[in-house]
Amino acid sequence: RPPPHPLPAHPPPHPPQVGARYALLRVLGYGSFSCVCLALDRATGERVALKRIPDVLATPEAAKRCLRELAIMRRAAHPNLVALRDAFVRPSSAGQRMRLVGGRLEASSLDLYLSSEFCGGGDLFHVRGQLSRGEARALLWQLLQALLALHSLGVWHRDVKSQNVFLQQGAGGRVVKLGDFGSARPAGAPAPPGAGLHHDRSFTDMDAAVDGEDLLARPCEEAEA
């Protein structure tokens, strides 16, 4: 016997929450506050990573966090940083605040969508096999260039890890793309409550504990020996 509500034979050409411009292809992953999908940008023909951050107006801190991430991504233009392509909001399908519209309860919050370049090489965490010395140095150099670009803008990334170091295949080999700016902060921003070591003073504390010259005391060849 057929189910009472059979699924449609073909999905709608575009889900209502992302509009006609984007076609969702598959889920790429989940974060603490978001979900990322691979999508086709019909306006450009490019495959993009579409990040959905739900209920951005849940709290003032959540709204500031999302606005800060968007502002940093708009400024972060560098070959080794994930590039922002588009940003838009949609009415939230859920939220803590509700309003009565036409006899129905509807969420009064918004979902934020960030469209960024898709890195088809995956991330550094899932790289398998032994990297050659030359390739490891090339990847590390590109990562340092990405951090230098951010620091020149007065921005701390604050979440540099292998899962946030994305890869693309270029003509000369793998290209590093540092992404996920959800935890990034301006260098002069006050530390949020419970920030632990992730605050401005942590850099001063590290400088006091570790002499920078110690980090450059030996060449890489000696350190690897």
C-alpha atoms as a PDB file:
ATOM      1  CA  ARG A   1       0.000   0.000   0.000  1.00  0.00           C
ATOM      2  CA  PRO A   2       1.473   3.415  -0.937  1.00  0.00           C
ATOM      3  CA  PRO A   3       2.418   5.744   1.919  1.00  0.00           C
ATOM      4  CA  PRO A   4      -0.126   8.468   2.811  1.00  0.00           C
ATOM      5  CA  HIS A   5       2.294  11.203   1.723  1.00  0.00           C
ATOM      6  CA  PRO A   6       4.545   9.846  -1.047  1.00  0.00           C
ATOM      7  CA  LEU A   7       7.689  11.708  -1.904  1.00  0.00           C
ATOM      8  CA  PRO A   8       7.688  13.615  -5.203  1.00  0.00           C
ATOM      9  CA  ALA A   9       9.322  11.825  -8.113  1.00  0.00           C
ATOM     10  CA  HIS A  10      11.586  14.814  -8.740  1.00  0.00           C
ATOM     11  CA  PRO A  11      12.726  17.415  -6.190  1.00  0.00           C
ATOM     12  CA  PRO A  12      11.693  21.030  -6.809  1.00  0.00           C
ATOM     13  CA  PRO A  13      14.116  22.943  -9.059  1.00  0.00           C
ATOM     14  CA  HIS A  14      15.134  25.201  -6.192  1.00  0.00           C
ATOM     15  CA  PRO A  15      14.378  24.927  -2.473  1.00  0.00           C
ATOM     16  CA  PRO A  16      12.429  27.978  -1.300  1.00  0.00           C
ATOM     17  CA  GLN A  17      14.923  28.815   1.439  1.00  0.00           C
ATOM     18  CA  VAL A  18      17.785  29.556  -0.999  1.00  0.00           C
ATOM     19  CA  GLY A  19      15.797  30.961  -3.905  1.00  0.00           C
ATOM     20  CA  ALA A  20      16.209  30.392  -7.615  1.00  0.00           C
ATOM     21  CA  ARG A  21      19.914  31.275  -7.811  1.00  0.00           C
ATOM     22  CA  TYR A  22      21.252  28.200  -5.987  1.00  0.00           C
ATOM     23  CA  ALA A  23      20.696  24.476  -6.505  1.00  0.00           C
ATOM     24  CA  LEU A  24      21.714  22.413  -3.477  1.00  0.00           C
ATOM     25  CA  LEU A  25      23.744  19.333  -4.455  1.00  0.00           C
ATOM     26  CA  ARG A  26      24.874  17.645  -1.239  1.00  0.00           C
ATOM     27  CA  VAL A  27      25.792  18.285   2.385  1.00  0.00           C
ATOM     28  CA  LEU A  28      29.506  18.899   2.932  1.00  0.00           C
ATOM     29  CA  GLY A  29      29.536  19.087   6.718  1.00  0.00           C
ATOM     30  CA  TYR A  30      28.294  20.592   9.929  1.00  0.00           C
ATOM     31  CA  GLY A  31      29.812  23.100  12.325  1.00  0.00           C
ATOM     32  CA  SER A  32      28.955  24.228  15.829  1.00  0.00           C
ATOM     33  CA  PHE A  33      26.480  26.818  14.541  1.00  0.00           C
ATOM     34  CA  SER A  34      26.027  25.997  10.862  1.00  0.00           C
ATOM     35  CA  CYS A  35      25.601  23.558   7.998  1.00  0.00           C
ATOM     36  CA  VAL A  36      27.535  23.705   4.718  1.00  0.00           C
ATOM     37  CA  CYS A  37      26.221  22.393   1.397  1.00  0.00           C
ATOM     38  CA  LEU A  38      27.737  22.092  -2.034  1.00  0.00           C
ATOM     39  CA  ALA A  39      25.593  24.194  -4.357  1.00  0.00           C
ATOM     40  CA  LEU A  40      25.488  25.303  -7.942  1.00  0.00           C
ATOM     41  CA  ASP A  41      25.352  29.061  -8.460  1.00  0.00           C
ATOM     42  CA  ARG A  42      23.093  29.349 -11.488  1.00  0.00           C
ATOM     43  CA  ALA A  43      24.074  32.985 -11.997  1.00  0.00           C
ATOM     44  CA  THR A  44      27.750  32.137 -12.599  1.00  0.00           C
ATOM     45  CA  GLY A  45      27.750  28.382 -13.252  1.00  0.00           C
ATOM     46  CA  GLU A  46      30.240  27.952 -10.390  1.00  0.00           C
ATOM     47  CA  ARG A  47      30.044  25.308  -7.674  1.00  0.00           C
ATOM     48  CA  VAL A  48      30.161  27.001  -4.280  1.00  0.00           C
ATOM     49  CA  ALA A  49      30.123  26.098  -0.607  1.00  0.00           C
ATOM     50  CA  LEU A  50      26.869  27.479   0.805  1.00  0.00           C
ATOM     51  CA  LYS A  51      26.929  27.921   4.571  1.00  0.00           C
ATOM     52  CA  ARG A  52      23.668  28.322   6.480  1.00  0.00           C
ATOM     53  CA  ILE A  53      23.749  29.919   9.939  1.00  0.00           C
ATOM     54  CA  PRO A  54      20.266  29.576  11.465  1.00  0.00           C
ATOM     55  CA  ASP A  55      18.435  31.995  13.723  1.00  0.00           C
ATOM     56  CA  VAL A  56      21.073  34.739  13.652  1.00  0.00           C
ATOM     57  CA  LEU A  57      18.888  37.059  15.731  1.00  0.00           C
ATOM     58  CA  ALA A  58      18.507  34.589  18.602  1.00  0.00           C
ATOM     59  CA  THR A  59      20.733  36.743  20.836  1.00  0.00           C
ATOM     60  CA  PRO A  60      22.677  39.988  20.423  1.00  0.00           C
ATOM     61  CA  GLU A  61      25.911  37.987  20.685  1.00  0.00           C
ATOM     62  CA  ALA A  62      24.822  35.624  17.888  1.00  0.00           C
ATOM     63  CA  ALA A  63      23.957  38.572  15.641  1.00  0.00           C
ATOM     64  CA  LYS A  64      27.308  40.239  16.337  1.00  0.00           C
ATOM     65  CA  ARG A  65      29.174  36.987  15.697  1.00  0.00           C
ATOM     66  CA  CYS A  66      27.551  36.525  12.282  1.00  0.00           C
ATOM     67  CA  LEU A  67      28.022  40.160  11.300  1.00  0.00           C
ATOM     68  CA  ARG A  68      31.669  39.975  12.338  1.00  0.00           C
ATOM     69  CA  GLU A  69      32.248  36.825  10.257  1.00  0.00           C
ATOM     70  CA  LEU A  70      30.642  38.435   7.220  1.00  0.00           C
ATOM     71  CA  ALA A  71      32.634  41.657   7.629  1.00  0.00           C
ATOM     72  CA  ILE A  72      35.928  39.763   7.930  1.00  0.00           C
ATOM     73  CA  MET A  73      35.209  37.616   4.869  1.00  0.00           C
ATOM     74  CA  ARG A  74      34.383  40.712   2.804  1.00  0.00           C
ATOM     75  CA  ARG A  75      37.818  42.147   3.646  1.00  0.00           C
ATOM     76  CA  ALA A  76      39.821  38.926   3.380  1.00  0.00           C
ATOM     77  CA  ALA A  77      40.927  38.954  -0.255  1.00  0.00           C
ATOM     78  CA  HIS A  78      44.026  36.776  -0.728  1.00  0.00           C
ATOM     79  CA  PRO A  79      44.915  33.751  -2.896  1.00  0.00           C
ATOM     80  CA  ASN A  80      45.297  31.595   0.234  1.00  0.00           C
ATOM     81  CA  LEU A  81      42.037  32.643   1.918  1.00  0.00           C
ATOM     82  CA  VAL A  82      38.623  31.214   1.027  1.00  0.00           C
ATOM     83  CA  ALA A  83      36.846  33.916  -0.978  1.00  0.00           C
ATOM     84  CA  LEU A  84      33.316  35.115  -0.286  1.00  0.00           C
ATOM     85  CA  ARG A  85      31.052  35.063  -3.337  1.00  0.00           C
ATOM     86  CA  ASP A  86      27.661  36.153  -1.995  1.00  0.00           C
ATOM     87  CA  ALA A  87      25.690  36.677   1.210  1.00  0.00           C
ATOM     88  CA  PHE A  88      21.947  36.866   1.812  1.00  0.00           C
ATOM     89  CA  VAL A  89      19.310  36.268   4.478  1.00  0.00           C
ATOM     90  CA  ARG A  90      16.061  34.343   4.496  1.00  0.00           C
ATOM     91  CA  PRO A  91      13.233  34.166   7.056  1.00  0.00           C
ATOM     92  CA  SER A  92      14.168  31.579   9.645  1.00  0.00           C
ATOM     93  CA  SER A  93      12.204  28.343   9.719  1.00  0.00           C
ATOM     94  CA  ALA A  94      12.672  28.199  13.480  1.00  0.00           C
ATOM     95  CA  GLY A  95      13.642  30.540  16.250  1.00  0.00           C
ATOM     96  CA  GLN A  96      13.069  31.523  19.845  1.00  0.00           C
ATOM     97  CA  ARG A  97      11.006  34.582  18.955  1.00  0.00           C
ATOM     98  CA  MET A  98       7.648  34.118  17.266  1.00  0.00           C
ATOM     99  CA  ARG A  99       5.060  36.459  15.818  1.00  0.00           C
ATOM    100  CA  LEU A 100       1.433  36.022  14.857  1.00  0.00           C
ATOM    101  CA  VAL A 101       0.814  36.480  11.109  1.00  0.00           C
ATOM    102  CA  GLY A 102      -2.594  35.696   9.631  1.00  0.00           C
ATOM    103  CA  GLY A 103      -3.514  33.469  12.525  1.00  0.00           C
ATOM    104  CA  ARG A 104      -0.231  31.529  12.297  1.00  0.00           C
ATOM    105  CA  LEU A 105       2.883  31.603  14.434  1.00  0.00           C
ATOM    106  CA  GLU A 106       6.001  32.412  12.437  1.00  0.00           C
ATOM    107  CA  ALA A 107       9.592  32.804  13.531  1.00  0.00           C
ATOM    108  CA  SER A 108      10.720  36.424  13.487  1.00  0.00           C
ATOM    109  CA  SER A 109      14.417  35.637  13.120  1.00  0.00           C
ATOM    110  CA  LEU A 110      16.597  35.262  10.036  1.00  0.00           C
ATOM    111  CA  ASP A 111      18.909  32.613   8.593  1.00  0.00           C
ATOM    112  CA  LEU A 112      22.185  33.885   7.133  1.00  0.00           C
ATOM    113  CA  TYR A 113      23.650  32.239   4.013  1.00  0.00           C
ATOM    114  CA  LEU A 114      27.298  32.716   3.025  1.00  0.00           C
ATOM    115  CA  SER A 115      28.357  31.569  -0.433  1.00  0.00           C
ATOM    116  CA  SER A 116      32.100  31.020  -0.812  1.00  0.00           C
ATOM    117  CA  GLU A 117      34.440  29.338  -3.246  1.00  0.00           C
ATOM    118  CA  PHE A 118      34.361  25.549  -3.144  1.00  0.00           C
ATOM    119  CA  CYS A 119      37.669  23.784  -2.505  1.00  0.00           C
ATOM    120  CA  GLY A 120      37.443  20.487  -4.332  1.00  0.00           C
ATOM    121  CA  GLY A 121      40.623  19.070  -2.785  1.00  0.00           C
ATOM    122  CA  GLY A 122      39.058  18.592   0.635  1.00  0.00           C
ATOM    123  CA  ASP A 123      40.883  19.647   3.773  1.00  0.00           C
ATOM    124  CA  LEU A 124      44.316  18.968   5.215  1.00  0.00           C
ATOM    125  CA  PHE A 125      42.915  16.710   7.945  1.00  0.00           C
ATOM    126  CA  HIS A 126      41.760  14.125   5.388  1.00  0.00           C
ATOM    127  CA  VAL A 127      44.951  14.077   3.308  1.00  0.00           C
ATOM    128  CA  ARG A 128      46.212  10.502   3.175  1.00  0.00           C
ATOM    129  CA  GLY A 129      49.738   9.318   2.544  1.00  0.00           C
ATOM    130  CA  GLN A 130      53.129  10.746   3.347  1.00  0.00           C
ATOM    131  CA  LEU A 131      53.842  14.283   2.181  1.00  0.00           C
ATOM    132  CA  SER A 132      57.244  14.952   0.721  1.00  0.00           C
ATOM    133  CA  ARG A 133      59.440  17.467   2.490  1.00  0.00           C
ATOM    134  CA  GLY A 134      59.010  19.921  -0.373  1.00  0.00           C
ATOM    135  CA  GLU A 135      55.221  19.615  -0.429  1.00  0.00           C
ATOM    136  CA  ALA A 136      54.956  19.970   3.347  1.00  0.00           C
ATOM    137  CA  ARG A 137      57.052  23.148   3.197  1.00  0.00           C
ATOM    138  CA  ALA A 138      54.960  24.524   0.329  1.00  0.00           C
ATOM    139  CA  LEU A 139      51.700  23.943   2.203  1.00  0.00           C
ATOM    140  CA  LEU A 140      53.063  25.444   5.415  1.00  0.00           C
ATOM    141  CA  TRP A 141      54.418  28.477   3.533  1.00  0.00           C
ATOM    142  CA  GLN A 142      51.006  29.118   1.965  1.00  0.00           C
ATOM    143  CA  LEU A 143      49.312  28.785   5.343  1.00  0.00           C
ATOM    144  CA  LEU A 144      51.729  31.336   6.812  1.00  0.00           C
ATOM    145  CA  GLN A 145      50.961  33.676   3.903  1.00  0.00           C
ATOM    146  CA  ALA A 146      47.250  33.359   4.684  1.00  0.00           C
ATOM    147  CA  LEU A 147      47.841  34.206   8.343  1.00  0.00           C
ATOM    148  CA  LEU A 148      50.107  37.104   7.404  1.00  0.00           C
ATOM    149  CA  ALA A 149      47.336  38.510   5.191  1.00  0.00           C
ATOM    150  CA  LEU A 150      44.821  38.261   8.030  1.00  0.00           C
ATOM    151  CA  HIS A 151      47.182  39.779  10.592  1.00  0.00           C
ATOM    152  CA  SER A 152      47.921  42.671   8.220  1.00  0.00           C
ATOM    153  CA  LEU A 153      44.175  43.391   8.352  1.00  0.00           C
ATOM    154  CA  GLY A 154      44.254  43.289  12.156  1.00  0.00           C
ATOM    155  CA  VAL A 155      42.377  39.978  12.348  1.00  0.00           C
ATOM    156  CA  TRP A 156      43.115  36.877  14.450  1.00  0.00           C
ATOM    157  CA  HIS A 157      41.693  33.676  12.945  1.00  0.00           C
ATOM    158  CA  ARG A 158      41.659  31.878  16.345  1.00  0.00           C
ATOM    159  CA  ASP A 159      40.723  28.462  14.924  1.00  0.00           C
ATOM    160  CA  VAL A 160      43.623  27.349  12.740  1.00  0.00           C
ATOM    161  CA  LYS A 161      43.457  23.560  12.468  1.00  0.00           C
ATOM    162  CA  SER A 162      43.771  20.994   9.718  1.00  0.00           C
ATOM    163  CA  GLN A 163      39.972  20.798   9.209  1.00  0.00           C
ATOM    164  CA  ASN A 164      39.929  24.519   8.337  1.00  0.00           C
ATOM    165  CA  VAL A 165      42.844  24.340   5.904  1.00  0.00           C
ATOM    166  CA  PHE A 166      41.190  23.569   2.569  1.00  0.00           C
ATOM    167  CA  LEU A 167      42.936  22.511  -0.617  1.00  0.00           C
ATOM    168  CA  GLN A 168      42.581  23.128  -4.319  1.00  0.00           C
ATOM    169  CA  GLN A 169      44.581  21.652  -7.164  1.00  0.00           C
ATOM    170  CA  GLY A 170      46.584  24.287  -9.011  1.00  0.00           C
ATOM    171  CA  ALA A 171      48.955  24.125 -11.949  1.00  0.00           C
ATOM    172  CA  GLY A 172      51.956  23.842  -9.614  1.00  0.00           C
ATOM    173  CA  GLY A 173      50.397  21.541  -7.029  1.00  0.00           C
ATOM    174  CA  ARG A 174      48.082  21.890  -4.073  1.00  0.00           C
ATOM    175  CA  VAL A 175      46.897  25.387  -3.141  1.00  0.00           C
ATOM    176  CA  VAL A 176      46.063  26.156   0.500  1.00  0.00           C
ATOM    177  CA  LYS A 177      42.832  28.008   1.288  1.00  0.00           C
ATOM    178  CA  LEU A 178      42.346  28.940   4.942  1.00  0.00           C
ATOM    179  CA  GLY A 179      38.650  29.184   5.774  1.00  0.00           C
ATOM    180  CA  ASP A 180      35.956  29.148   8.463  1.00  0.00           C
ATOM    181  CA  PHE A 181      36.101  32.609  10.021  1.00  0.00           C
ATOM    182  CA  GLY A 182      33.365  31.969  12.579  1.00  0.00           C
ATOM    183  CA  SER A 183      35.802  32.339  15.482  1.00  0.00           C
ATOM    184  CA  ALA A 184      37.851  35.191  13.990  1.00  0.00           C
ATOM    185  CA  ARG A 185      38.125  38.485  15.858  1.00  0.00           C
ATOM    186  CA  PRO A 186      39.587  41.919  15.216  1.00  0.00           C
ATOM    187  CA  ALA A 187      42.913  42.191  17.028  1.00  0.00           C
ATOM    188  CA  GLY A 188      41.637  44.909  19.373  1.00  0.00           C
ATOM    189  CA  ALA A 189      38.296  43.278  20.195  1.00  0.00           C
ATOM    190  CA  PRO A 190      37.585  42.555  23.871  1.00  0.00           C
ATOM    191  CA  ALA A 191      37.502  38.912  24.879  1.00  0.00           C
ATOM    192  CA  PRO A 192      34.019  37.424  25.240  1.00  0.00           C
ATOM    193  CA  PRO A 193      33.112  35.758  28.553  1.00  0.00           C
ATOM    194  CA  GLY A 194      34.757  32.367  28.959  1.00  0.00           C
ATOM    195  CA  ALA A 195      37.165  32.948  26.077  1.00  0.00           C
ATOM    196  CA  GLY A 196      40.037  31.247  27.924  1.00  0.00           C
ATOM    197  CA  LEU A 197      43.323  31.542  26.050  1.00  0.00           C
ATOM    198  CA  HIS A 198      41.623  32.920  22.945  1.00  0.00           C
ATOM    199  CA  HIS A 199      41.943  36.610  23.711  1.00  0.00           C
ATOM    200  CA  ASP A 200      44.363  39.448  23.017  1.00  0.00           C
ATOM    201  CA  ARG A 201      46.347  38.956  26.212  1.00  0.00           C
ATOM    202  CA  SER A 202      47.100  35.370  25.215  1.00  0.00           C
ATOM    203  CA  PHE A 203      49.528  36.645  22.580  1.00  0.00           C
ATOM    204  CA  THR A 204      51.308  38.809  25.169  1.00  0.00           C
ATOM    205  CA  ASP A 205      51.392  35.836  27.531  1.00  0.00           C
ATOM    206  CA  MET A 206      52.927  33.630  24.844  1.00  0.00           C
ATOM    207  CA  ASP A 207      55.531  36.270  24.009  1.00  0.00           C
ATOM    208  CA  ALA A 208      56.525  36.386  27.670  1.00  0.00           C
ATOM    209  CA  ALA A 209      56.723  32.588  27.924  1.00  0.00           C
ATOM    210  CA  VAL A 210      58.462  31.818  24.617  1.00  0.00           C
ATOM    211  CA  ASP A 211      61.349  33.788  23.186  1.00  0.00           C
ATOM    212  CA  GLY A 212      60.702  34.295  19.493  1.00  0.00           C
ATOM    213  CA  GLU A 213      64.387  33.737  18.718  1.00  0.00           C
ATOM    214  CA  ASP A 214      64.072  30.175  20.057  1.00  0.00           C
ATOM    215  CA  LEU A 215      61.659  29.364  17.241  1.00  0.00           C
ATOM    216  CA  LEU A 216      64.236  30.381  14.631  1.00  0.00           C
ATOM    217  CA  ALA A 217      67.296  28.985  16.363  1.00  0.00           C
ATOM    218  CA  ARG A 218      67.648  25.908  14.128  1.00  0.00           C
ATOM    219  CA  PRO A 219      66.986  25.405  10.438  1.00  0.00           C
ATOM    220  CA  CYS A 220      64.236  22.971   9.435  1.00  0.00           C
ATOM    221  CA  GLU A 221      66.827  20.396   8.330  1.00  0.00           C
ATOM    222  CA  GLU A 222      68.324  20.251  11.839  1.00  0.00           C
ATOM    223  CA  ALA A 223      64.901  20.081  13.488  1.00  0.00           C
ATOM    224  CA  GLU A 224      63.931  17.148  11.271  1.00  0.00           C
ATOM    225  CA  ALA A 225      67.140  15.250  12.016  1.00  0.00           C
END
